[in-house]
Amino acid sequence: MTLLASMGVVIIAGILLCGGWEDFVGPWLSTQKEKYKKLTVVRQRVALLASAKDIQSDLIRMAEQGDTDSSYGLAKILQETTLALLRHPDKVIYAWSDKNRESIDNAEDLFNQFSMEERSRASEETLTNVDGRLSKSKEKAHEKTQDNEYILVNVLVVTNGDLNLRPSDSHEGLKSNLVALGSITPDDLVALEIIWQPEDEYDVLSKEELLSLYPDLNVLG
C-alpha cells in the first residue's frame, strides 16, 4: 500500500447564516442587489516543510473545537488559519492561488466544484466539521519513508468583497494574500472550506506525492 492510499484529509467547512446558501442568498439579494452583483471565489494552496508540525495540530484543534455554524465562528477559523500559516514563512516552499468574480449562482457552482476537486485528492476524509457537525473515522496506520517532506493546506473562500490578491509566486505575494483572506469580516464571508493533508500530525507528503497531486504549485522566490 502506498502512503497516498492510506492518507486522509481533514475538512473544516460552512456555508453561512444557518440555512445554507439558499437561505443566505434570498434576503441578501433583496437588500444588496445593486451594491453586490458578484461574489469572489478564492482558492489558496500552501505547502510547508514537514517540520511545521504545529500547523497540523492547530488545524486539528480548530476542526474539533471550531464553530462552523456561524459567521463569526467561521471568520475566526479563517483568521486563525491564515495567522498559523503566516507564522512559518521560512517553512513555506510552494504556493498557488486562484481568484474568480462570479454571479451568485455561478459562485456556488464554482465553490462546490473546487471543493470536490480538492477533497478527491485523498482516499478518505478522516475528520470533518461541516456546519457544526463533527465526524471522525477510525485512524489508520501510516507507512513512512525518508522522502516524506510536506504538509499541504487548501483554503477555499467565497466573499462579498473583491479581494486584491497577488500571484502566489513569492513569499511577499503569499503573505499579502493571507493577510487579505484573514481580514475578511463575518458580514462579508459567505462560505469557507479548509482542507489539508495528511491529517495525522505525525505524517507528511513526499515531494513526489505533493507535486503529483498539485502540479501547478509555484516555488516561492
N, C-alpha and C. Protein backbone atom coordinates (compact mmCIF):
# COMPACT_ATOMS: atom_id res chain seq x y z
N MET A 1 0.85 -1.20 0.00
CA MET A 1 0.00 0.00 0.00
C MET A 1 0.88 1.24 0.00
N THR A 2 0.60 2.17 -0.83
CA THR A 2 1.38 3.40 -0.85
C THR A 2 0.93 4.31 0.26
N LEU A 3 1.78 5.29 0.58
CA LEU A 3 1.41 6.27 1.59
C LEU A 3 0.15 7.00 1.19
N LEU A 4 0.05 7.38 -0.09
CA LEU A 4 -1.09 8.15 -0.55
C LEU A 4 -2.39 7.39 -0.34
N ALA A 5 -2.38 6.12 -0.56
CA ALA A 5 -3.60 5.32 -0.41
C ALA A 5 -4.07 5.26 1.03
N SER A 6 -3.17 5.48 1.98
CA SER A 6 -3.55 5.37 3.38
C SER A 6 -3.87 6.71 4.01
N MET A 7 -3.70 7.80 3.28
CA MET A 7 -3.87 9.12 3.87
C MET A 7 -5.32 9.56 3.85
N GLY A 8 -5.61 10.47 4.75
CA GLY A 8 -6.91 11.13 4.74
C GLY A 8 -6.74 12.62 4.76
N VAL A 9 -7.81 13.34 4.52
CA VAL A 9 -7.80 14.78 4.64
C VAL A 9 -8.75 15.19 5.75
N VAL A 10 -8.59 16.41 6.20
CA VAL A 10 -9.46 16.98 7.22
C VAL A 10 -10.19 18.15 6.59
N ILE A 11 -11.48 18.26 6.91
CA ILE A 11 -12.31 19.31 6.33
C ILE A 11 -12.88 20.19 7.44
N ILE A 12 -12.72 21.49 7.31
CA ILE A 12 -13.47 22.45 8.11
C ILE A 12 -14.27 23.27 7.12
N ALA A 13 -15.59 23.29 7.25
CA ALA A 13 -16.37 23.95 6.22
C ALA A 13 -17.66 24.51 6.77
N GLY A 14 -18.21 25.48 6.04
CA GLY A 14 -19.52 26.01 6.39
C GLY A 14 -20.02 26.97 5.34
N ILE A 15 -21.32 26.94 5.09
CA ILE A 15 -21.97 27.97 4.27
C ILE A 15 -22.85 28.74 5.23
N LEU A 16 -22.68 30.02 5.26
CA LEU A 16 -23.11 30.81 6.41
C LEU A 16 -24.59 31.07 6.52
N LEU A 17 -24.92 31.62 7.67
CA LEU A 17 -26.26 32.07 8.04
C LEU A 17 -27.26 30.92 8.15
N CYS A 18 -26.78 29.86 8.79
CA CYS A 18 -27.60 28.76 9.31
C CYS A 18 -28.33 27.94 8.25
N GLY A 19 -29.11 28.54 7.39
CA GLY A 19 -29.90 27.76 6.45
C GLY A 19 -29.14 27.32 5.24
N GLY A 20 -27.87 27.74 5.08
CA GLY A 20 -27.10 27.37 3.91
C GLY A 20 -27.20 28.43 2.83
N TRP A 21 -26.72 28.06 1.67
CA TRP A 21 -26.57 29.01 0.58
C TRP A 21 -27.89 29.66 0.18
N GLU A 22 -28.93 28.88 0.01
CA GLU A 22 -30.20 29.42 -0.47
C GLU A 22 -30.81 30.41 0.52
N ASP A 23 -30.78 30.06 1.80
CA ASP A 23 -31.34 30.97 2.80
C ASP A 23 -30.54 32.26 2.90
N PHE A 24 -29.26 32.16 2.63
CA PHE A 24 -28.43 33.35 2.65
C PHE A 24 -28.70 34.25 1.45
N VAL A 25 -28.75 33.65 0.27
CA VAL A 25 -28.82 34.42 -0.97
C VAL A 25 -30.13 35.18 -1.10
N GLY A 26 -31.27 34.59 -0.69
CA GLY A 26 -32.56 35.24 -0.88
C GLY A 26 -32.65 36.62 -0.27
N PRO A 27 -32.53 36.76 1.05
CA PRO A 27 -32.60 38.09 1.65
C PRO A 27 -31.45 38.98 1.25
N TRP A 28 -30.30 38.38 1.02
CA TRP A 28 -29.13 39.17 0.62
C TRP A 28 -29.38 39.85 -0.73
N LEU A 29 -29.97 39.11 -1.67
CA LEU A 29 -30.26 39.69 -2.98
C LEU A 29 -31.23 40.86 -2.88
N SER A 30 -32.25 40.72 -2.06
CA SER A 30 -33.29 41.74 -1.99
C SER A 30 -32.78 43.06 -1.44
N THR A 31 -31.76 43.00 -0.60
CA THR A 31 -31.27 44.23 0.02
C THR A 31 -29.97 44.75 -0.56
N GLN A 32 -29.20 43.87 -1.22
CA GLN A 32 -27.87 44.26 -1.66
C GLN A 32 -27.65 44.08 -3.16
N LYS A 33 -28.69 43.90 -3.92
CA LYS A 33 -28.55 43.56 -5.33
C LYS A 33 -27.69 44.56 -6.10
N GLU A 34 -27.92 45.84 -5.89
CA GLU A 34 -27.18 46.84 -6.63
C GLU A 34 -25.76 46.99 -6.12
N LYS A 35 -25.58 46.83 -4.80
CA LYS A 35 -24.26 47.02 -4.22
C LYS A 35 -23.32 45.86 -4.53
N TYR A 36 -23.84 44.63 -4.43
CA TYR A 36 -23.03 43.45 -4.66
C TYR A 36 -23.65 42.62 -5.79
N LYS A 37 -23.08 42.73 -6.97
CA LYS A 37 -23.62 41.98 -8.10
C LYS A 37 -22.87 40.67 -8.30
N LYS A 38 -21.67 40.56 -7.71
CA LYS A 38 -20.88 39.36 -7.88
C LYS A 38 -20.23 38.96 -6.55
N LEU A 39 -19.86 37.71 -6.47
CA LEU A 39 -19.11 37.19 -5.34
C LEU A 39 -17.71 36.81 -5.80
N THR A 40 -16.77 36.78 -4.86
CA THR A 40 -15.39 36.40 -5.15
C THR A 40 -15.13 35.01 -4.59
N VAL A 41 -14.64 34.12 -5.46
CA VAL A 41 -14.31 32.75 -5.07
C VAL A 41 -12.79 32.59 -5.14
N VAL A 42 -12.19 32.20 -4.02
CA VAL A 42 -10.72 32.13 -3.92
C VAL A 42 -10.29 30.73 -3.52
N ARG A 43 -9.24 30.26 -4.17
CA ARG A 43 -8.51 29.08 -3.71
C ARG A 43 -7.08 29.49 -3.40
N GLN A 44 -6.63 29.18 -2.19
CA GLN A 44 -5.24 29.45 -1.82
C GLN A 44 -4.62 28.16 -1.29
N ARG A 45 -3.59 27.69 -1.97
CA ARG A 45 -2.87 26.50 -1.53
C ARG A 45 -1.51 26.90 -0.98
N VAL A 46 -1.11 26.23 0.11
CA VAL A 46 0.18 26.49 0.73
C VAL A 46 0.80 25.15 1.10
N ALA A 47 2.04 24.92 0.68
CA ALA A 47 2.76 23.69 1.02
C ALA A 47 3.95 24.05 1.90
N LEU A 48 3.98 23.42 3.08
CA LEU A 48 5.01 23.71 4.07
C LEU A 48 5.89 22.49 4.30
N LEU A 49 7.13 22.75 4.73
CA LEU A 49 8.01 21.67 5.12
C LEU A 49 7.41 20.92 6.30
N ALA A 50 7.71 19.64 6.39
CA ALA A 50 7.14 18.79 7.43
C ALA A 50 7.52 19.23 8.83
N SER A 51 8.57 20.02 8.97
CA SER A 51 8.98 20.47 10.30
C SER A 51 7.98 21.45 10.91
N ALA A 52 7.03 21.94 10.12
CA ALA A 52 5.98 22.83 10.65
C ALA A 52 4.85 22.00 11.24
N LYS A 53 5.19 21.13 12.19
CA LYS A 53 4.24 20.17 12.73
C LYS A 53 3.07 20.82 13.46
N ASP A 54 3.31 21.98 14.08
CA ASP A 54 2.23 22.58 14.86
C ASP A 54 1.09 23.06 13.99
N ILE A 55 1.33 23.21 12.66
CA ILE A 55 0.24 23.56 11.74
C ILE A 55 -0.84 22.49 11.80
N GLN A 56 -0.44 21.23 11.68
CA GLN A 56 -1.43 20.15 11.74
C GLN A 56 -2.15 20.12 13.08
N SER A 57 -1.40 20.31 14.16
CA SER A 57 -2.03 20.32 15.49
C SER A 57 -3.05 21.44 15.61
N ASP A 58 -2.68 22.65 15.12
CA ASP A 58 -3.59 23.79 15.19
C ASP A 58 -4.85 23.55 14.38
N LEU A 59 -4.69 22.99 13.18
CA LEU A 59 -5.84 22.76 12.31
C LEU A 59 -6.75 21.67 12.86
N ILE A 60 -6.15 20.63 13.43
CA ILE A 60 -6.97 19.58 14.05
C ILE A 60 -7.76 20.14 15.22
N ARG A 61 -7.12 21.00 16.01
CA ARG A 61 -7.83 21.63 17.13
C ARG A 61 -9.01 22.44 16.63
N MET A 62 -8.80 23.22 15.55
CA MET A 62 -9.89 24.02 15.00
C MET A 62 -11.00 23.14 14.44
N ALA A 63 -10.62 22.02 13.82
CA ALA A 63 -11.63 21.11 13.27
C ALA A 63 -12.47 20.50 14.37
N GLU A 64 -11.85 20.21 15.51
CA GLU A 64 -12.57 19.57 16.60
C GLU A 64 -13.36 20.56 17.46
N GLN A 65 -12.87 21.79 17.58
CA GLN A 65 -13.47 22.73 18.52
C GLN A 65 -14.08 23.97 17.86
N GLY A 66 -13.77 24.22 16.58
CA GLY A 66 -14.21 25.45 15.94
C GLY A 66 -15.72 25.51 15.71
N ASP A 67 -16.25 26.71 15.74
CA ASP A 67 -17.67 26.95 15.48
C ASP A 67 -17.86 27.15 13.98
N THR A 68 -18.38 26.13 13.30
CA THR A 68 -18.59 26.21 11.85
C THR A 68 -20.04 26.49 11.50
N ASP A 69 -20.82 26.90 12.48
CA ASP A 69 -22.25 27.11 12.26
C ASP A 69 -22.65 28.57 12.43
N SER A 70 -21.67 29.48 12.40
CA SER A 70 -21.98 30.90 12.50
C SER A 70 -20.95 31.69 11.70
N SER A 71 -21.33 32.88 11.29
CA SER A 71 -20.43 33.73 10.52
C SER A 71 -19.21 34.12 11.34
N TYR A 72 -19.42 34.44 12.62
CA TYR A 72 -18.30 34.83 13.47
C TYR A 72 -17.36 33.66 13.72
N GLY A 73 -17.91 32.47 13.90
CA GLY A 73 -17.07 31.30 14.11
C GLY A 73 -16.21 30.98 12.91
N LEU A 74 -16.80 31.02 11.71
CA LEU A 74 -16.02 30.72 10.51
C LEU A 74 -14.98 31.81 10.23
N ALA A 75 -15.33 33.07 10.47
CA ALA A 75 -14.36 34.15 10.27
C ALA A 75 -13.18 33.98 11.22
N LYS A 76 -13.45 33.53 12.44
CA LYS A 76 -12.37 33.29 13.40
C LYS A 76 -11.49 32.14 12.95
N ILE A 77 -12.09 31.06 12.42
CA ILE A 77 -11.31 29.93 11.91
C ILE A 77 -10.43 30.38 10.75
N LEU A 78 -10.98 31.19 9.85
CA LEU A 78 -10.21 31.68 8.72
C LEU A 78 -9.04 32.54 9.21
N GLN A 79 -9.30 33.41 10.16
CA GLN A 79 -8.25 34.27 10.70
C GLN A 79 -7.16 33.45 11.38
N GLU A 80 -7.55 32.48 12.18
CA GLU A 80 -6.57 31.65 12.88
C GLU A 80 -5.75 30.80 11.91
N THR A 81 -6.38 30.34 10.84
CA THR A 81 -5.67 29.54 9.84
C THR A 81 -4.63 30.38 9.12
N THR A 82 -5.01 31.57 8.68
CA THR A 82 -4.05 32.43 7.97
C THR A 82 -2.92 32.86 8.90
N LEU A 83 -3.23 33.14 10.16
CA LEU A 83 -2.18 33.50 11.11
C LEU A 83 -1.21 32.33 11.33
N ALA A 84 -1.73 31.12 11.42
CA ALA A 84 -0.88 29.95 11.59
C ALA A 84 0.07 29.79 10.41
N LEU A 85 -0.43 30.03 9.21
CA LEU A 85 0.42 29.93 8.02
C LEU A 85 1.44 31.06 7.96
N LEU A 86 1.05 32.25 8.40
CA LEU A 86 1.97 33.40 8.39
C LEU A 86 3.10 33.23 9.39
N ARG A 87 2.90 32.40 10.40
CA ARG A 87 3.94 32.22 11.42
C ARG A 87 5.10 31.36 10.94
N HIS A 88 4.98 30.76 9.75
CA HIS A 88 6.03 29.86 9.26
C HIS A 88 6.56 30.28 7.89
N PRO A 89 6.97 31.52 7.70
CA PRO A 89 7.42 31.94 6.36
C PRO A 89 8.65 31.18 5.87
N ASP A 90 9.52 30.77 6.80
CA ASP A 90 10.74 30.06 6.40
C ASP A 90 10.48 28.62 6.03
N LYS A 91 9.27 28.10 6.32
CA LYS A 91 8.96 26.71 6.03
C LYS A 91 7.98 26.55 4.87
N VAL A 92 7.51 27.66 4.33
CA VAL A 92 6.63 27.60 3.17
C VAL A 92 7.48 27.57 1.91
N ILE A 93 7.33 26.51 1.11
CA ILE A 93 8.16 26.32 -0.08
C ILE A 93 7.36 26.53 -1.36
N TYR A 94 6.11 26.07 -1.38
CA TYR A 94 5.27 26.17 -2.57
C TYR A 94 3.95 26.86 -2.22
N ALA A 95 3.36 27.48 -3.23
CA ALA A 95 2.02 28.06 -3.06
C ALA A 95 1.37 28.25 -4.43
N TRP A 96 0.08 28.48 -4.40
CA TRP A 96 -0.68 28.72 -5.63
C TRP A 96 -2.00 29.34 -5.24
N SER A 97 -2.50 30.27 -6.06
CA SER A 97 -3.79 30.88 -5.75
C SER A 97 -4.58 31.12 -7.03
N ASP A 98 -5.90 31.25 -6.84
CA ASP A 98 -6.82 31.45 -7.96
C ASP A 98 -7.99 32.28 -7.46
N LYS A 99 -8.37 33.31 -8.22
CA LYS A 99 -9.49 34.16 -7.82
C LYS A 99 -10.46 34.31 -8.99
N ASN A 100 -11.75 34.19 -8.69
CA ASN A 100 -12.79 34.33 -9.71
C ASN A 100 -13.90 35.23 -9.18
N ARG A 101 -14.36 36.18 -10.02
CA ARG A 101 -15.53 37.00 -9.70
C ARG A 101 -16.69 36.43 -10.48
N GLU A 102 -17.73 35.99 -9.77
CA GLU A 102 -18.83 35.28 -10.41
C GLU A 102 -20.17 35.77 -9.89
N SER A 103 -21.21 35.52 -10.70
CA SER A 103 -22.57 35.74 -10.22
C SER A 103 -22.84 34.81 -9.05
N ILE A 104 -23.91 35.06 -8.32
CA ILE A 104 -24.21 34.25 -7.14
C ILE A 104 -24.37 32.77 -7.52
N ASP A 105 -25.14 32.49 -8.53
CA ASP A 105 -25.35 31.09 -8.93
C ASP A 105 -24.04 30.44 -9.36
N ASN A 106 -23.27 31.15 -10.18
CA ASN A 106 -22.00 30.59 -10.66
C ASN A 106 -21.00 30.43 -9.52
N ALA A 107 -21.04 31.34 -8.54
CA ALA A 107 -20.11 31.25 -7.41
C ALA A 107 -20.39 29.99 -6.60
N GLU A 108 -21.66 29.68 -6.39
CA GLU A 108 -21.99 28.45 -5.66
C GLU A 108 -21.50 27.22 -6.42
N ASP A 109 -21.75 27.18 -7.73
CA ASP A 109 -21.32 26.04 -8.53
C ASP A 109 -19.80 25.91 -8.51
N LEU A 110 -19.09 27.04 -8.62
CA LEU A 110 -17.64 27.01 -8.66
C LEU A 110 -17.06 26.58 -7.32
N PHE A 111 -17.63 27.08 -6.23
CA PHE A 111 -17.18 26.68 -4.90
C PHE A 111 -17.35 25.17 -4.71
N ASN A 112 -18.50 24.64 -5.10
CA ASN A 112 -18.74 23.20 -4.97
C ASN A 112 -17.79 22.40 -5.85
N GLN A 113 -17.52 22.91 -7.05
CA GLN A 113 -16.58 22.23 -7.95
C GLN A 113 -15.19 22.20 -7.35
N PHE A 114 -14.72 23.34 -6.86
CA PHE A 114 -13.39 23.40 -6.24
C PHE A 114 -13.30 22.48 -5.03
N SER A 115 -14.36 22.47 -4.23
CA SER A 115 -14.37 21.62 -3.05
C SER A 115 -14.22 20.14 -3.42
N MET A 116 -14.96 19.71 -4.42
CA MET A 116 -14.88 18.31 -4.86
C MET A 116 -13.49 18.00 -5.41
N GLU A 117 -12.92 18.92 -6.18
CA GLU A 117 -11.59 18.70 -6.73
C GLU A 117 -10.55 18.52 -5.63
N GLU A 118 -10.60 19.37 -4.62
CA GLU A 118 -9.61 19.30 -3.56
C GLU A 118 -9.82 18.07 -2.68
N ARG A 119 -11.06 17.75 -2.38
CA ARG A 119 -11.34 16.62 -1.50
C ARG A 119 -11.05 15.28 -2.18
N SER A 120 -11.13 15.25 -3.51
CA SER A 120 -10.91 13.99 -4.24
C SER A 120 -9.44 13.60 -4.31
N ARG A 121 -8.56 14.46 -3.87
CA ARG A 121 -7.13 14.16 -3.96
C ARG A 121 -6.65 13.19 -2.88
N ALA A 122 -7.50 12.84 -1.94
CA ALA A 122 -7.14 11.84 -0.93
C ALA A 122 -8.19 10.75 -0.91
N SER A 123 -7.83 9.59 -0.37
CA SER A 123 -8.72 8.43 -0.46
C SER A 123 -9.86 8.48 0.53
N GLU A 124 -9.73 9.25 1.63
CA GLU A 124 -10.81 9.32 2.60
C GLU A 124 -10.72 10.62 3.40
N GLU A 125 -11.82 10.99 4.03
CA GLU A 125 -11.85 12.15 4.92
C GLU A 125 -11.92 11.62 6.34
N THR A 126 -10.87 11.85 7.11
CA THR A 126 -10.78 11.24 8.44
C THR A 126 -11.37 12.11 9.53
N LEU A 127 -11.48 13.41 9.30
CA LEU A 127 -12.04 14.30 10.32
C LEU A 127 -12.72 15.45 9.61
N THR A 128 -14.01 15.66 9.87
CA THR A 128 -14.73 16.76 9.24
C THR A 128 -15.53 17.52 10.28
N ASN A 129 -15.63 18.83 10.07
CA ASN A 129 -16.51 19.69 10.86
C ASN A 129 -17.21 20.60 9.88
N VAL A 130 -18.43 20.22 9.50
CA VAL A 130 -19.18 20.93 8.47
C VAL A 130 -20.49 21.43 9.07
N ASP A 131 -20.67 22.75 9.04
CA ASP A 131 -21.89 23.37 9.57
C ASP A 131 -22.19 22.90 11.00
N GLY A 132 -21.14 22.79 11.82
CA GLY A 132 -21.32 22.43 13.21
C GLY A 132 -21.41 20.94 13.49
N ARG A 133 -21.31 20.08 12.47
CA ARG A 133 -21.40 18.63 12.65
C ARG A 133 -20.02 18.01 12.54
N LEU A 134 -19.53 17.46 13.66
CA LEU A 134 -18.20 16.87 13.72
C LEU A 134 -18.28 15.38 13.46
N SER A 135 -17.39 14.88 12.60
CA SER A 135 -17.38 13.45 12.28
C SER A 135 -15.93 12.98 12.19
N LYS A 136 -15.66 11.82 12.81
CA LYS A 136 -14.33 11.22 12.75
C LYS A 136 -14.43 9.80 12.25
N SER A 137 -13.44 9.39 11.46
CA SER A 137 -13.34 7.98 11.08
C SER A 137 -12.20 7.35 11.88
N LYS A 138 -12.10 6.06 11.83
CA LYS A 138 -11.05 5.37 12.58
C LYS A 138 -9.69 5.71 12.00
N GLU A 139 -8.72 5.87 12.90
CA GLU A 139 -7.37 6.16 12.45
C GLU A 139 -6.77 4.92 11.80
N LYS A 140 -5.91 5.18 10.81
CA LYS A 140 -5.26 4.09 10.11
C LYS A 140 -3.76 4.22 10.30
N ALA A 141 -3.07 3.10 10.28
CA ALA A 141 -1.62 3.14 10.37
C ALA A 141 -1.05 3.75 9.10
N HIS A 142 -0.01 4.54 9.26
CA HIS A 142 0.59 5.21 8.11
C HIS A 142 1.99 4.66 7.85
N GLU A 143 2.25 4.37 6.60
CA GLU A 143 3.60 4.00 6.22
C GLU A 143 4.43 5.26 6.07
N LYS A 144 5.70 5.18 6.45
CA LYS A 144 6.55 6.35 6.39
C LYS A 144 7.80 6.00 5.58
N THR A 145 8.30 6.96 4.83
CA THR A 145 9.54 6.80 4.13
C THR A 145 10.40 8.02 4.41
N GLN A 146 11.66 7.93 4.08
CA GLN A 146 12.57 9.04 4.34
C GLN A 146 12.27 10.24 3.45
N ASP A 147 11.49 10.03 2.41
CA ASP A 147 11.21 11.12 1.47
C ASP A 147 10.01 11.97 1.89
N ASN A 148 9.32 11.61 2.97
CA ASN A 148 8.16 12.39 3.41
C ASN A 148 8.62 13.77 3.85
N GLU A 149 8.03 14.82 3.24
CA GLU A 149 8.58 16.14 3.48
C GLU A 149 7.56 17.24 3.72
N TYR A 150 6.33 17.13 3.24
CA TYR A 150 5.46 18.31 3.16
C TYR A 150 4.08 18.11 3.78
N ILE A 151 3.47 19.26 4.09
CA ILE A 151 2.07 19.37 4.52
C ILE A 151 1.41 20.34 3.56
N LEU A 152 0.23 20.01 3.06
CA LEU A 152 -0.48 20.87 2.10
C LEU A 152 -1.77 21.38 2.72
N VAL A 153 -1.97 22.69 2.70
CA VAL A 153 -3.17 23.33 3.24
C VAL A 153 -3.89 24.06 2.11
N ASN A 154 -5.18 23.79 1.96
CA ASN A 154 -6.04 24.47 0.99
C ASN A 154 -7.04 25.34 1.72
N VAL A 155 -7.19 26.59 1.30
CA VAL A 155 -8.20 27.49 1.85
C VAL A 155 -9.12 27.91 0.71
N LEU A 156 -10.41 27.53 0.81
CA LEU A 156 -11.42 27.92 -0.18
C LEU A 156 -12.35 28.93 0.46
N VAL A 157 -12.55 30.07 -0.19
CA VAL A 157 -13.33 31.16 0.39
C VAL A 157 -14.28 31.73 -0.66
N VAL A 158 -15.49 32.07 -0.23
CA VAL A 158 -16.40 32.91 -1.02
C VAL A 158 -16.70 34.14 -0.18
N THR A 159 -16.53 35.32 -0.77
CA THR A 159 -16.74 36.56 -0.05
C THR A 159 -17.49 37.57 -0.90
N ASN A 160 -18.19 38.49 -0.24
CA ASN A 160 -18.89 39.56 -0.95
C ASN A 160 -17.93 40.50 -1.65
N GLY A 161 -16.84 40.83 -0.97
CA GLY A 161 -15.93 41.84 -1.49
C GLY A 161 -15.01 41.31 -2.57
N ASP A 162 -14.39 42.21 -3.31
CA ASP A 162 -13.40 41.86 -4.33
C ASP A 162 -12.02 42.01 -3.72
N LEU A 163 -11.36 40.91 -3.44
CA LEU A 163 -10.05 40.94 -2.80
C LEU A 163 -8.95 41.29 -3.79
N ASN A 164 -8.00 42.05 -3.33
CA ASN A 164 -6.84 42.42 -4.15
C ASN A 164 -5.74 41.39 -3.92
N LEU A 165 -5.80 40.28 -4.64
CA LEU A 165 -4.84 39.20 -4.46
C LEU A 165 -3.71 39.29 -5.48
N ARG A 166 -2.53 38.85 -5.05
CA ARG A 166 -1.35 38.82 -5.90
C ARG A 166 -1.05 37.38 -6.32
N PRO A 167 -0.28 37.18 -7.39
CA PRO A 167 0.13 35.81 -7.73
C PRO A 167 0.92 35.20 -6.58
N SER A 168 0.65 33.94 -6.29
CA SER A 168 1.36 33.26 -5.21
C SER A 168 2.64 32.63 -5.74
N ASP A 169 3.55 33.50 -6.21
CA ASP A 169 4.82 33.01 -6.73
C ASP A 169 6.00 33.60 -5.96
N SER A 170 5.73 34.26 -4.85
CA SER A 170 6.77 34.81 -3.99
C SER A 170 6.26 34.82 -2.56
N HIS A 171 7.19 34.90 -1.62
CA HIS A 171 6.78 34.97 -0.21
C HIS A 171 6.00 36.25 0.05
N GLU A 172 6.37 37.33 -0.61
CA GLU A 172 5.66 38.60 -0.41
C GLU A 172 4.23 38.51 -0.93
N GLY A 173 4.06 37.90 -2.09
CA GLY A 173 2.73 37.75 -2.65
C GLY A 173 1.84 36.87 -1.80
N LEU A 174 2.39 35.76 -1.31
CA LEU A 174 1.62 34.86 -0.46
C LEU A 174 1.24 35.56 0.84
N LYS A 175 2.18 36.28 1.45
CA LYS A 175 1.88 36.99 2.70
C LYS A 175 0.75 37.99 2.50
N SER A 176 0.81 38.73 1.40
CA SER A 176 -0.25 39.70 1.10
C SER A 176 -1.61 39.01 0.97
N ASN A 177 -1.64 37.87 0.31
CA ASN A 177 -2.89 37.14 0.12
C ASN A 177 -3.44 36.61 1.44
N LEU A 178 -2.57 36.06 2.28
CA LEU A 178 -3.02 35.52 3.55
C LEU A 178 -3.56 36.62 4.46
N VAL A 179 -2.91 37.78 4.45
CA VAL A 179 -3.40 38.91 5.23
C VAL A 179 -4.78 39.34 4.73
N ALA A 180 -4.95 39.40 3.40
CA ALA A 180 -6.24 39.79 2.83
C ALA A 180 -7.33 38.80 3.20
N LEU A 181 -7.04 37.51 3.12
CA LEU A 181 -8.03 36.49 3.47
C LEU A 181 -8.38 36.53 4.95
N GLY A 182 -7.37 36.68 5.79
CA GLY A 182 -7.61 36.71 7.22
C GLY A 182 -8.35 37.95 7.69
N SER A 183 -8.41 38.98 6.84
CA SER A 183 -9.08 40.23 7.20
C SER A 183 -10.55 40.26 6.77
N ILE A 184 -11.04 39.21 6.12
CA ILE A 184 -12.45 39.18 5.70
C ILE A 184 -13.34 39.19 6.94
N THR A 185 -14.31 40.07 6.95
CA THR A 185 -15.20 40.20 8.11
C THR A 185 -16.30 39.14 8.09
N PRO A 186 -16.91 38.86 9.24
CA PRO A 186 -18.02 37.91 9.27
C PRO A 186 -19.16 38.31 8.33
N ASP A 187 -19.42 39.61 8.18
CA ASP A 187 -20.51 40.05 7.31
C ASP A 187 -20.22 39.79 5.84
N ASP A 188 -18.94 39.74 5.47
CA ASP A 188 -18.58 39.53 4.07
C ASP A 188 -18.28 38.08 3.73
N LEU A 189 -18.07 37.23 4.72
CA LEU A 189 -17.72 35.84 4.47
C LEU A 189 -18.99 35.03 4.16
N VAL A 190 -19.07 34.48 2.97
CA VAL A 190 -20.24 33.72 2.52
C VAL A 190 -20.03 32.22 2.74
N ALA A 191 -18.86 31.71 2.41
CA ALA A 191 -18.58 30.28 2.56
C ALA A 191 -17.09 30.07 2.77
N LEU A 192 -16.76 29.02 3.50
CA LEU A 192 -15.37 28.71 3.82
C LEU A 192 -15.17 27.21 3.85
N GLU A 193 -14.04 26.76 3.31
CA GLU A 193 -13.65 25.37 3.45
C GLU A 193 -12.13 25.33 3.56
N ILE A 194 -11.64 24.68 4.59
CA ILE A 194 -10.20 24.49 4.78
C ILE A 194 -9.93 23.00 4.74
N ILE A 195 -9.05 22.60 3.84
CA ILE A 195 -8.75 21.19 3.61
C ILE A 195 -7.24 21.01 3.69
N TRP A 196 -6.79 20.05 4.47
CA TRP A 196 -5.35 19.81 4.48
C TRP A 196 -5.07 18.32 4.51
N GLN A 197 -3.88 17.99 4.07
CA GLN A 197 -3.44 16.61 4.11
C GLN A 197 -1.93 16.57 4.24
N PRO A 198 -1.42 15.48 4.85
CA PRO A 198 -2.20 14.43 5.51
C PRO A 198 -2.76 14.89 6.84
N GLU A 199 -3.76 14.15 7.32
CA GLU A 199 -4.45 14.54 8.56
C GLU A 199 -3.58 14.31 9.79
N ASP A 200 -2.89 13.19 9.84
CA ASP A 200 -2.12 12.82 11.02
C ASP A 200 -0.95 13.77 11.21
N GLU A 201 -0.81 14.31 12.42
CA GLU A 201 0.28 15.27 12.68
C GLU A 201 1.64 14.61 12.64
N TYR A 202 1.70 13.27 12.62
CA TYR A 202 2.98 12.57 12.52
C TYR A 202 3.23 12.06 11.11
N ASP A 203 2.43 12.48 10.16
CA ASP A 203 2.56 12.02 8.78
C ASP A 203 2.76 13.23 7.87
N VAL A 204 3.31 12.99 6.70
CA VAL A 204 3.58 14.07 5.75
C VAL A 204 3.47 13.53 4.33
N LEU A 205 3.55 14.43 3.36
CA LEU A 205 3.58 14.07 1.95
C LEU A 205 5.01 14.11 1.44
N SER A 206 5.38 13.14 0.62
CA SER A 206 6.68 13.23 -0.04
C SER A 206 6.61 14.29 -1.13
N LYS A 207 7.74 14.76 -1.56
CA LYS A 207 7.78 15.76 -2.63
C LYS A 207 7.14 15.21 -3.89
N GLU A 208 7.40 13.94 -4.19
CA GLU A 208 6.82 13.32 -5.38
C GLU A 208 5.30 13.30 -5.29
N GLU A 209 4.76 12.93 -4.14
CA GLU A 209 3.31 12.90 -3.97
C GLU A 209 2.72 14.30 -4.06
N LEU A 210 3.37 15.25 -3.41
CA LEU A 210 2.88 16.63 -3.42
C LEU A 210 2.75 17.16 -4.84
N LEU A 211 3.81 17.03 -5.63
CA LEU A 211 3.80 17.60 -6.97
C LEU A 211 2.96 16.78 -7.94
N SER A 212 2.74 15.52 -7.62
CA SER A 212 1.83 14.71 -8.43
C SER A 212 0.39 15.15 -8.22
N LEU A 213 0.03 15.43 -6.95
CA LEU A 213 -1.32 15.87 -6.62
C LEU A 213 -1.57 17.32 -7.04
N TYR A 214 -0.53 18.16 -6.94
CA TYR A 214 -0.68 19.60 -7.17
C TYR A 214 0.42 20.09 -8.11
N PRO A 215 0.36 19.72 -9.39
CA PRO A 215 1.44 20.07 -10.33
C PRO A 215 1.53 21.57 -10.63
N ASP A 216 0.50 22.35 -10.27
CA ASP A 216 0.52 23.78 -10.59
C ASP A 216 1.13 24.63 -9.47
N LEU A 217 1.63 24.02 -8.42
CA LEU A 217 2.26 24.77 -7.34
C LEU A 217 3.47 25.57 -7.83
N ASN A 218 3.63 26.77 -7.30
CA ASN A 218 4.80 27.61 -7.62
C ASN A 218 5.85 27.49 -6.52
N VAL A 219 7.12 27.41 -6.93
CA VAL A 219 8.21 27.51 -5.96
C VAL A 219 8.35 28.98 -5.59
N LEU A 220 8.30 29.27 -4.30
CA LEU A 220 8.32 30.66 -3.86
C LEU A 220 9.73 31.22 -3.92
N GLY A 221 9.83 32.42 -4.47
CA GLY A 221 11.12 33.08 -4.55
C GLY A 221 11.28 34.14 -3.49
